[in-house]
Amino acid sequence: LVQAGDSLRLSCAASGRTFRSLTMGWFRQAPGKEREF
């Protein structure tokens, strides 16, 4: 939970497959909305 104008850094740790072979992405889903790229 942050205030408008603030910053956050999200992290995603991957395992199970060679990381370098993967395209990585972030998506988000707001309440009442579809998941978006």
All heavy atoms as atom14 arrays in JSON, in Angstrom:
{
  "sequence": "LVQAGDSLRLSCAASGRTFRSLTMGWFRQAPGKEREF",
  "atom14_mask": [
    [1, 1, 1, 1, 1, 1, 1, 1, 0, 0, 0, 0, 0, 0],
    [1, 1, 1, 1, 1, 1, 1, 0, 0, 0, 0, 0, 0, 0],
    [1, 1, 1, 1, 1, 1, 1, 1, 1, 0, 0, 0, 0, 0],
    [1, 1, 1, 1, 1, 0, 0, 0, 0, 0, 0, 0, 0, 0],
    [1, 1, 1, 1, 0, 0, 0, 0, 0, 0, 0, 0, 0, 0],
    [1, 1, 1, 1, 1, 1, 1, 1, 0, 0, 0, 0, 0, 0],
    [1, 1, 1, 1, 1, 1, 0, 0, 0, 0, 0, 0, 0, 0],
    [1, 1, 1, 1, 1, 1, 1, 1, 0, 0, 0, 0, 0, 0],
    [1, 1, 1, 1, 1, 1, 1, 1, 1, 1, 1, 0, 0, 0],
    [1, 1, 1, 1, 1, 1, 1, 1, 0, 0, 0, 0, 0, 0],
    [1, 1, 1, 1, 1, 1, 0, 0, 0, 0, 0, 0, 0, 0],
    [1, 1, 1, 1, 1, 1, 0, 0, 0, 0, 0, 0, 0, 0],
    [1, 1, 1, 1, 1, 0, 0, 0, 0, 0, 0, 0, 0, 0],
    [1, 1, 1, 1, 1, 0, 0, 0, 0, 0, 0, 0, 0, 0],
    [1, 1, 1, 1, 1, 1, 0, 0, 0, 0, 0, 0, 0, 0],
    [1, 1, 1, 1, 0, 0, 0, 0, 0, 0, 0, 0, 0, 0],
    [1, 1, 1, 1, 1, 1, 1, 1, 1, 1, 1, 0, 0, 0],
    [1, 1, 1, 1, 1, 1, 1, 0, 0, 0, 0, 0, 0, 0],
    [1, 1, 1, 1, 1, 1, 1, 1, 1, 1, 1, 0, 0, 0],
    [1, 1, 1, 1, 1, 1, 1, 1, 1, 1, 1, 0, 0, 0],
    [1, 1, 1, 1, 1, 1, 0, 0, 0, 0, 0, 0, 0, 0],
    [1, 1, 1, 1, 1, 1, 1, 1, 0, 0, 0, 0, 0, 0],
    [1, 1, 1, 1, 1, 1, 1, 0, 0, 0, 0, 0, 0, 0],
    [1, 1, 1, 1, 1, 1, 1, 1, 0, 0, 0, 0, 0, 0],
    [1, 1, 1, 1, 0, 0, 0, 0, 0, 0, 0, 0, 0, 0],
    [1, 1, 1, 1, 1, 1, 1, 1, 1, 1, 1, 1, 1, 1],
    [1, 1, 1, 1, 1, 1, 1, 1, 1, 1, 1, 0, 0, 0],
    [1, 1, 1, 1, 1, 1, 1, 1, 1, 1, 1, 0, 0, 0],
    [1, 1, 1, 1, 1, 1, 1, 1, 1, 0, 0, 0, 0, 0],
    [1, 1, 1, 1, 1, 0, 0, 0, 0, 0, 0, 0, 0, 0],
    [1, 1, 1, 1, 1, 1, 1, 0, 0, 0, 0, 0, 0, 0],
    [1, 1, 1, 1, 0, 0, 0, 0, 0, 0, 0, 0, 0, 0],
    [1, 1, 1, 1, 1, 1, 1, 1, 1, 0, 0, 0, 0, 0],
    [1, 1, 1, 1, 1, 1, 1, 1, 1, 0, 0, 0, 0, 0],
    [1, 1, 1, 1, 1, 1, 1, 1, 1, 1, 1, 0, 0, 0],
    [1, 1, 1, 1, 1, 1, 1, 1, 1, 0, 0, 0, 0, 0],
    [1, 1, 1, 1, 1, 1, 1, 1, 1, 1, 1, 0, 0, 0]
  ],
  "atom14_positions": [
    [[0.85, -1.19, 0.0], [0.0, 0.0, 0.0], [0.88, 1.23, 0.0], [1.72, 1.4, 0.89], [-0.91, -0.01, 1.23], [-1.75, 1.24, 1.47], [-2.73, 1.46, 0.33], [-2.48, 1.12, 2.81], [0.0, 0.0, 0.0], [0.0, 0.0, 0.0], [0.0, 0.0, 0.0], [0.0, 0.0, 0.0], [0.0, 0.0, 0.0], [0.0, 0.0, 0.0]],
    [[0.7, 2.08, -1.0], [1.51, 3.29, -1.13], [0.63, 4.46, -1.49], [-0.53, 4.3, -1.88], [2.62, 3.13, -2.19], [3.58, 2.02, -1.81], [2.01, 2.88, -3.57], [0.0, 0.0, 0.0], [0.0, 0.0, 0.0], [0.0, 0.0, 0.0], [0.0, 0.0, 0.0], [0.0, 0.0, 0.0], [0.0, 0.0, 0.0], [0.0, 0.0, 0.0]],
    [[1.19, 5.65, -1.36], [0.51, 6.87, -1.74], [0.78, 7.18, -3.21], [1.79, 6.78, -3.78], [1.0, 8.04, -0.9], [0.73, 7.91, 0.59], [-0.69, 8.26, 0.95], [-1.39, 8.92, 0.19], [-1.13, 7.83, 2.13], [0.0, 0.0, 0.0], [0.0, 0.0, 0.0], [0.0, 0.0, 0.0], [0.0, 0.0, 0.0], [0.0, 0.0, 0.0]],
    [[-0.14, 7.89, -3.83], [0.07, 8.35, -5.2], [1.38, 9.11, -5.3], [1.72, 9.93, -4.44], [-1.09, 9.22, -5.66], [0.0, 0.0, 0.0], [0.0, 0.0, 0.0], [0.0, 0.0, 0.0], [0.0, 0.0, 0.0], [0.0, 0.0, 0.0], [0.0, 0.0, 0.0], [0.0, 0.0, 0.0], [0.0, 0.0, 0.0], [0.0, 0.0, 0.0]],
    [[2.13, 8.81, -6.35], [3.43, 9.42, -6.56], [4.59, 8.6, -6.01], [5.75, 8.88, -6.35], [0.0, 0.0, 0.0], [0.0, 0.0, 0.0], [0.0, 0.0, 0.0], [0.0, 0.0, 0.0], [0.0, 0.0, 0.0], [0.0, 0.0, 0.0], [0.0, 0.0, 0.0], [0.0, 0.0, 0.0], [0.0, 0.0, 0.0], [0.0, 0.0, 0.0]],
    [[4.3, 7.62, -5.19], [5.34, 6.77, -4.62], [5.81, 5.73, -5.63], [5.28, 5.61, -6.73], [4.83, 6.08, -3.36], [4.74, 7.01, -2.17], [5.21, 8.16, -2.26], [4.2, 6.58, -1.14], [0.0, 0.0, 0.0], [0.0, 0.0, 0.0], [0.0, 0.0, 0.0], [0.0, 0.0, 0.0], [0.0, 0.0, 0.0], [0.0, 0.0, 0.0]],
    [[6.79, 4.95, -5.22], [7.37, 3.91, -6.06], [7.35, 2.57, -5.35], [7.38, 2.49, -4.12], [8.81, 4.25, -6.43], [8.89, 5.44, -7.19], [0.0, 0.0, 0.0], [0.0, 0.0, 0.0], [0.0, 0.0, 0.0], [0.0, 0.0, 0.0], [0.0, 0.0, 0.0], [0.0, 0.0, 0.0], [0.0, 0.0, 0.0], [0.0, 0.0, 0.0]],
    [[7.3, 1.52, -6.14], [7.45, 0.16, -5.67], [8.27, -0.61, -6.69], [8.25, -0.29, -7.88], [6.1, -0.55, -5.51], [5.24, -0.23, -4.31], [3.88, -0.92, -4.47], [5.9, -0.68, -3.02], [0.0, 0.0, 0.0], [0.0, 0.0, 0.0], [0.0, 0.0, 0.0], [0.0, 0.0, 0.0], [0.0, 0.0, 0.0], [0.0, 0.0, 0.0]],
    [[8.97, -1.62, -6.23], [9.62, -2.54, -7.13], [9.12, -3.95, -6.86], [9.32, -4.49, -5.77], [11.15, -2.51, -7.0], [11.82, -3.32, -8.11], [13.33, -3.18, -8.14], [13.98, -4.0, -7.14], [15.23, -4.42, -7.21], [15.98, -4.08, -8.27], [15.75, -5.14, -6.24], [0.0, 0.0, 0.0], [0.0, 0.0, 0.0], [0.0, 0.0, 0.0]],
    [[8.49, -4.52, -7.86], [8.01, -5.88, -7.76], [9.11, -6.83, -8.23], [9.87, -6.52, -9.15], [6.77, -6.09, -8.62], [5.6, -5.14, -8.38], [4.42, -5.53, -9.26], [5.2, -5.13, -6.91], [0.0, 0.0, 0.0], [0.0, 0.0, 0.0], [0.0, 0.0, 0.0], [0.0, 0.0, 0.0], [0.0, 0.0, 0.0], [0.0, 0.0, 0.0]],
    [[9.17, -7.99, -7.61], [10.11, -9.02, -7.99], [9.37, -10.3, -8.3], [8.32, -10.58, -7.73], [11.12, -9.29, -6.86], [11.88, -8.14, -6.56], [0.0, 0.0, 0.0], [0.0, 0.0, 0.0], [0.0, 0.0, 0.0], [0.0, 0.0, 0.0], [0.0, 0.0, 0.0], [0.0, 0.0, 0.0], [0.0, 0.0, 0.0], [0.0, 0.0, 0.0]],
    [[9.93, -11.07, -9.2], [9.36, -12.37, -9.56], [10.5, -13.36, -9.68], [11.35, -13.23, -10.57], [8.59, -12.27, -10.87], [8.0, -13.85, -11.5], [0.0, 0.0, 0.0], [0.0, 0.0, 0.0], [0.0, 0.0, 0.0], [0.0, 0.0, 0.0], [0.0, 0.0, 0.0], [0.0, 0.0, 0.0], [0.0, 0.0, 0.0], [0.0, 0.0, 0.0]],
    [[10.53, -14.32, -8.79], [11.54, -15.36, -8.79], [11.03, -16.57, -9.55], [9.93, -17.06, -9.28], [11.91, -15.74, -7.37], [0.0, 0.0, 0.0], [0.0, 0.0, 0.0], [0.0, 0.0, 0.0], [0.0, 0.0, 0.0], [0.0, 0.0, 0.0], [0.0, 0.0, 0.0], [0.0, 0.0, 0.0], [0.0, 0.0, 0.0], [0.0, 0.0, 0.0]],
    [[11.81, -17.04, -10.49], [11.43, -18.16, -11.34], [12.27, -19.38, -11.04], [13.45, -19.28, -10.72], [11.58, -17.78, -12.81], [0.0, 0.0, 0.0], [0.0, 0.0, 0.0], [0.0, 0.0, 0.0], [0.0, 0.0, 0.0], [0.0, 0.0, 0.0], [0.0, 0.0, 0.0], [0.0, 0.0, 0.0], [0.0, 0.0, 0.0], [0.0, 0.0, 0.0]],
    [[11.65, -20.53, -11.16], [12.36, -21.79, -11.0], [11.7, -22.85, -11.87], [10.57, -22.69, -12.31], [12.37, -22.23, -9.54], [11.05, -22.48, -9.07], [0.0, 0.0, 0.0], [0.0, 0.0, 0.0], [0.0, 0.0, 0.0], [0.0, 0.0, 0.0], [0.0, 0.0, 0.0], [0.0, 0.0, 0.0], [0.0, 0.0, 0.0], [0.0, 0.0, 0.0]],
    [[12.43, -23.92, -12.1], [11.87, -25.06, -12.82], [12.26, -25.16, -14.28], [12.11, -26.22, -14.88], [0.0, 0.0, 0.0], [0.0, 0.0, 0.0], [0.0, 0.0, 0.0], [0.0, 0.0, 0.0], [0.0, 0.0, 0.0], [0.0, 0.0, 0.0], [0.0, 0.0, 0.0], [0.0, 0.0, 0.0], [0.0, 0.0, 0.0], [0.0, 0.0, 0.0]],
    [[12.75, -24.08, -14.85], [13.14, -24.07, -16.24], [14.24, -23.04, -16.44], [14.29, -22.06, -15.7], [11.94, -23.77, -17.14], [12.2, -23.94, -18.63], [10.9, -23.86, -19.41], [11.1, -24.05, -20.83], [10.13, -24.16, -21.73], [8.87, -24.12, -21.34], [10.42, -24.33, -23.01], [0.0, 0.0, 0.0], [0.0, 0.0, 0.0], [0.0, 0.0, 0.0]],
    [[15.05, -23.27, -17.42], [16.14, -22.34, -17.69], [15.59, -20.93, -17.87], [14.84, -20.66, -18.8], [16.92, -22.77, -18.92], [17.43, -24.09, -18.73], [18.09, -21.82, -19.16], [0.0, 0.0, 0.0], [0.0, 0.0, 0.0], [0.0, 0.0, 0.0], [0.0, 0.0, 0.0], [0.0, 0.0, 0.0], [0.0, 0.0, 0.0], [0.0, 0.0, 0.0]],
    [[15.98, -20.03, -16.97], [15.43, -18.7, -16.95], [15.71, -17.95, -18.24], [14.85, -17.22, -18.75], [15.96, -17.93, -15.74], [15.36, -16.57, -15.56], [14.06, -16.42, -15.13], [16.11, -15.43, -15.82], [13.5, -15.17, -14.95], [15.57, -14.17, -15.65], [14.26, -14.04, -15.21], [0.0, 0.0, 0.0], [0.0, 0.0, 0.0], [0.0, 0.0, 0.0]],
    [[16.91, -18.12, -18.76], [17.29, -17.37, -19.95], [16.47, -17.75, -21.17], [16.45, -17.0, -22.15], [18.78, -17.57, -20.25], [19.71, -16.9, -19.25], [21.16, -17.17, -19.6], [21.48, -18.59, -19.5], [22.64, -19.12, -19.85], [23.61, -18.35, -20.33], [22.85, -20.42, -19.71], [0.0, 0.0, 0.0], [0.0, 0.0, 0.0], [0.0, 0.0, 0.0]],
    [[15.82, -18.89, -21.13], [15.01, -19.33, -22.26], [13.6, -18.77, -22.24], [12.82, -19.04, -23.16], [14.94, -20.86, -22.28], [14.13, -21.35, -21.23], [0.0, 0.0, 0.0], [0.0, 0.0, 0.0], [0.0, 0.0, 0.0], [0.0, 0.0, 0.0], [0.0, 0.0, 0.0], [0.0, 0.0, 0.0], [0.0, 0.0, 0.0], [0.0, 0.0, 0.0]],
    [[13.26, -17.99, -21.23], [11.9, -17.52, -21.03], [11.74, -16.05, -21.37], [12.6, -15.23, -21.04], [11.46, -17.73, -19.58], [11.47, -19.17, -19.07], [11.2, -19.18, -17.58], [10.43, -20.0, -19.81], [0.0, 0.0, 0.0], [0.0, 0.0, 0.0], [0.0, 0.0, 0.0], [0.0, 0.0, 0.0], [0.0, 0.0, 0.0], [0.0, 0.0, 0.0]],
    [[10.64, -15.74, -22.01], [10.16, -14.38, -22.05], [9.35, -14.13, -20.77], [8.48, -14.93, -20.42], [9.29, -14.13, -23.28], [10.08, -14.29, -24.46], [8.71, -12.72, -23.26], [0.0, 0.0, 0.0], [0.0, 0.0, 0.0], [0.0, 0.0, 0.0], [0.0, 0.0, 0.0], [0.0, 0.0, 0.0], [0.0, 0.0, 0.0], [0.0, 0.0, 0.0]],
    [[9.65, -13.06, -20.09], [9.0, -12.74, -18.83], [8.1, -11.53, -19.01], [8.42, -10.6, -19.75], [10.01, -12.46, -17.74], [11.03, -13.58, -17.52], [10.26, -15.14, -16.99], [9.51, -14.62, -15.43], [0.0, 0.0, 0.0], [0.0, 0.0, 0.0], [0.0, 0.0, 0.0], [0.0, 0.0, 0.0], [0.0, 0.0, 0.0], [0.0, 0.0, 0.0]],
    [[6.98, -11.55, -18.3], [6.05, -10.45, -18.41], [5.35, -10.16, -17.12], [5.36, -10.95, -16.17], [0.0, 0.0, 0.0], [0.0, 0.0, 0.0], [0.0, 0.0, 0.0], [0.0, 0.0, 0.0], [0.0, 0.0, 0.0], [0.0, 0.0, 0.0], [0.0, 0.0, 0.0], [0.0, 0.0, 0.0], [0.0, 0.0, 0.0], [0.0, 0.0, 0.0]],
    [[4.75, -8.98, -17.09], [3.91, -8.57, -15.97], [2.53, -8.21, -16.5], [2.4, -7.52, -17.52], [4.49, -7.37, -15.24], [5.71, -7.67, -14.43], [7.01, -7.51, -14.8], [5.73, -8.18, -13.09], [7.85, -7.89, -13.78], [7.08, -8.3, -12.72], [4.75, -8.53, -12.18], [7.48, -8.77, -11.47], [5.13, -9.01, -10.93], [6.48, -9.12, -10.59]],
    [[1.52, -8.68, -15.8], [0.13, -8.34, -16.07], [-0.5, -7.84, -14.78], [0.05, -8.03, -13.7], [-0.63, -9.56, -16.6], [-0.19, -10.02, -17.96], [1.01, -10.68, -18.14], [-1.0, -9.79, -19.07], [1.42, -11.11, -19.38], [-0.6, -10.22, -20.33], [0.6, -10.87, -20.49], [0.0, 0.0, 0.0], [0.0, 0.0, 0.0], [0.0, 0.0, 0.0]],
    [[-1.64, -7.21, -14.91], [-2.34, -6.76, -13.72], [-3.84, -6.88, -13.91], [-4.34, -6.86, -15.03], [-1.97, -5.32, -13.36], [-2.44, -4.27, -14.35], [-1.89, -2.9, -13.99], [-2.39, -1.85, -14.87], [-1.99, -0.59, -14.83], [-1.07, -0.21, -13.93], [-2.5, 0.3, -15.66], [0.0, 0.0, 0.0], [0.0, 0.0, 0.0], [0.0, 0.0, 0.0]],
    [[-4.53, -7.01, -12.81], [-5.98, -7.12, -12.83], [-6.55, -6.28, -11.7], [-6.32, -6.57, -10.53], [-6.44, -8.56, -12.71], [-7.93, -8.74, -12.89], [-8.32, -10.19, -13.08], [-7.59, -11.1, -12.71], [-9.48, -10.43, -13.68], [0.0, 0.0, 0.0], [0.0, 0.0, 0.0], [0.0, 0.0, 0.0], [0.0, 0.0, 0.0], [0.0, 0.0, 0.0]],
    [[-7.28, -5.25, -12.07], [-7.93, -4.38, -11.11], [-9.32, -4.91, -10.78], [-9.9, -5.67, -11.57], [-8.03, -2.96, -11.66], [0.0, 0.0, 0.0], [0.0, 0.0, 0.0], [0.0, 0.0, 0.0], [0.0, 0.0, 0.0], [0.0, 0.0, 0.0], [0.0, 0.0, 0.0], [0.0, 0.0, 0.0], [0.0, 0.0, 0.0], [0.0, 0.0, 0.0]],
    [[-9.87, -4.52, -9.64], [-11.21, -4.99, -9.29], [-12.23, -4.66, -10.38], [-12.3, -3.53, -10.85], [-11.52, -4.23, -8.0], [-10.18, -3.94, -7.41], [-9.28, -3.68, -8.59], [0.0, 0.0, 0.0], [0.0, 0.0, 0.0], [0.0, 0.0, 0.0], [0.0, 0.0, 0.0], [0.0, 0.0, 0.0], [0.0, 0.0, 0.0], [0.0, 0.0, 0.0]],
    [[-12.99, -5.66, -10.78], [-14.02, -5.47, -11.78], [-13.53, -5.36, -13.2], [-14.34, -5.09, -14.1], [0.0, 0.0, 0.0], [0.0, 0.0, 0.0], [0.0, 0.0, 0.0], [0.0, 0.0, 0.0], [0.0, 0.0, 0.0], [0.0, 0.0, 0.0], [0.0, 0.0, 0.0], [0.0, 0.0, 0.0], [0.0, 0.0, 0.0], [0.0, 0.0, 0.0]],
    [[-12.24, -5.55, -13.43], [-11.68, -5.43, -14.77], [-10.98, -6.71, -15.17], [-10.64, -7.55, -14.35], [-10.7, -4.26, -14.83], [-11.31, -2.9, -14.52], [-10.3, -1.78, -14.63], [-9.84, -1.59, -16.07], [-8.92, -0.42, -16.19], [0.0, 0.0, 0.0], [0.0, 0.0, 0.0], [0.0, 0.0, 0.0], [0.0, 0.0, 0.0], [0.0, 0.0, 0.0]],
    [[-10.76, -6.85, -16.47], [-10.03, -7.99, -16.98], [-8.54, -7.82, -16.75], [-8.03, -6.71, -16.6], [-10.31, -8.17, -18.48], [-11.75, -8.5, -18.81], [-11.95, -8.73, -20.29], [-11.03, -8.45, -21.08], [-13.04, -9.19, -20.67], [0.0, 0.0, 0.0], [0.0, 0.0, 0.0], [0.0, 0.0, 0.0], [0.0, 0.0, 0.0], [0.0, 0.0, 0.0]],
    [[-7.85, -8.94, -16.76], [-6.4, -8.9, -16.66], [-5.83, -8.22, -17.9], [-6.24, -8.49, -19.03], [-5.84, -10.31, -16.52], [-4.35, -10.36, -16.25], [-3.9, -11.79, -15.94], [-4.52, -12.3, -14.73], [-4.22, -13.47, -14.19], [-3.29, -14.25, -14.74], [-4.84, -13.87, -13.09], [0.0, 0.0, 0.0], [0.0, 0.0, 0.0], [0.0, 0.0, 0.0]],
    [[-4.87, -7.32, -17.69], [-4.29, -6.59, -18.8], [-2.78, -6.68, -18.79], [-2.14, -6.81, -17.74], [-4.73, -5.12, -18.77], [-4.24, -4.35, -17.56], [-4.65, -2.89, -17.59], [-5.08, -2.4, -18.65], [-4.53, -2.22, -16.53], [0.0, 0.0, 0.0], [0.0, 0.0, 0.0], [0.0, 0.0, 0.0], [0.0, 0.0, 0.0], [0.0, 0.0, 0.0]],
    [[-2.23, -6.56, -19.96], [-0.79, -6.58, -20.15], [-0.17, -5.31, -19.59], [-0.69, -4.21, -19.78], [-0.47, -6.72, -21.63], [0.96, -6.47, -21.99], [1.92, -7.44, -21.78], [1.34, -5.26, -22.53], [3.25, -7.22, -22.11], [2.66, -5.02, -22.87], [3.61, -6.0, -22.66], [0.0, 0.0, 0.0], [0.0, 0.0, 0.0], [0.0, 0.0, 0.0]]
  ]
}
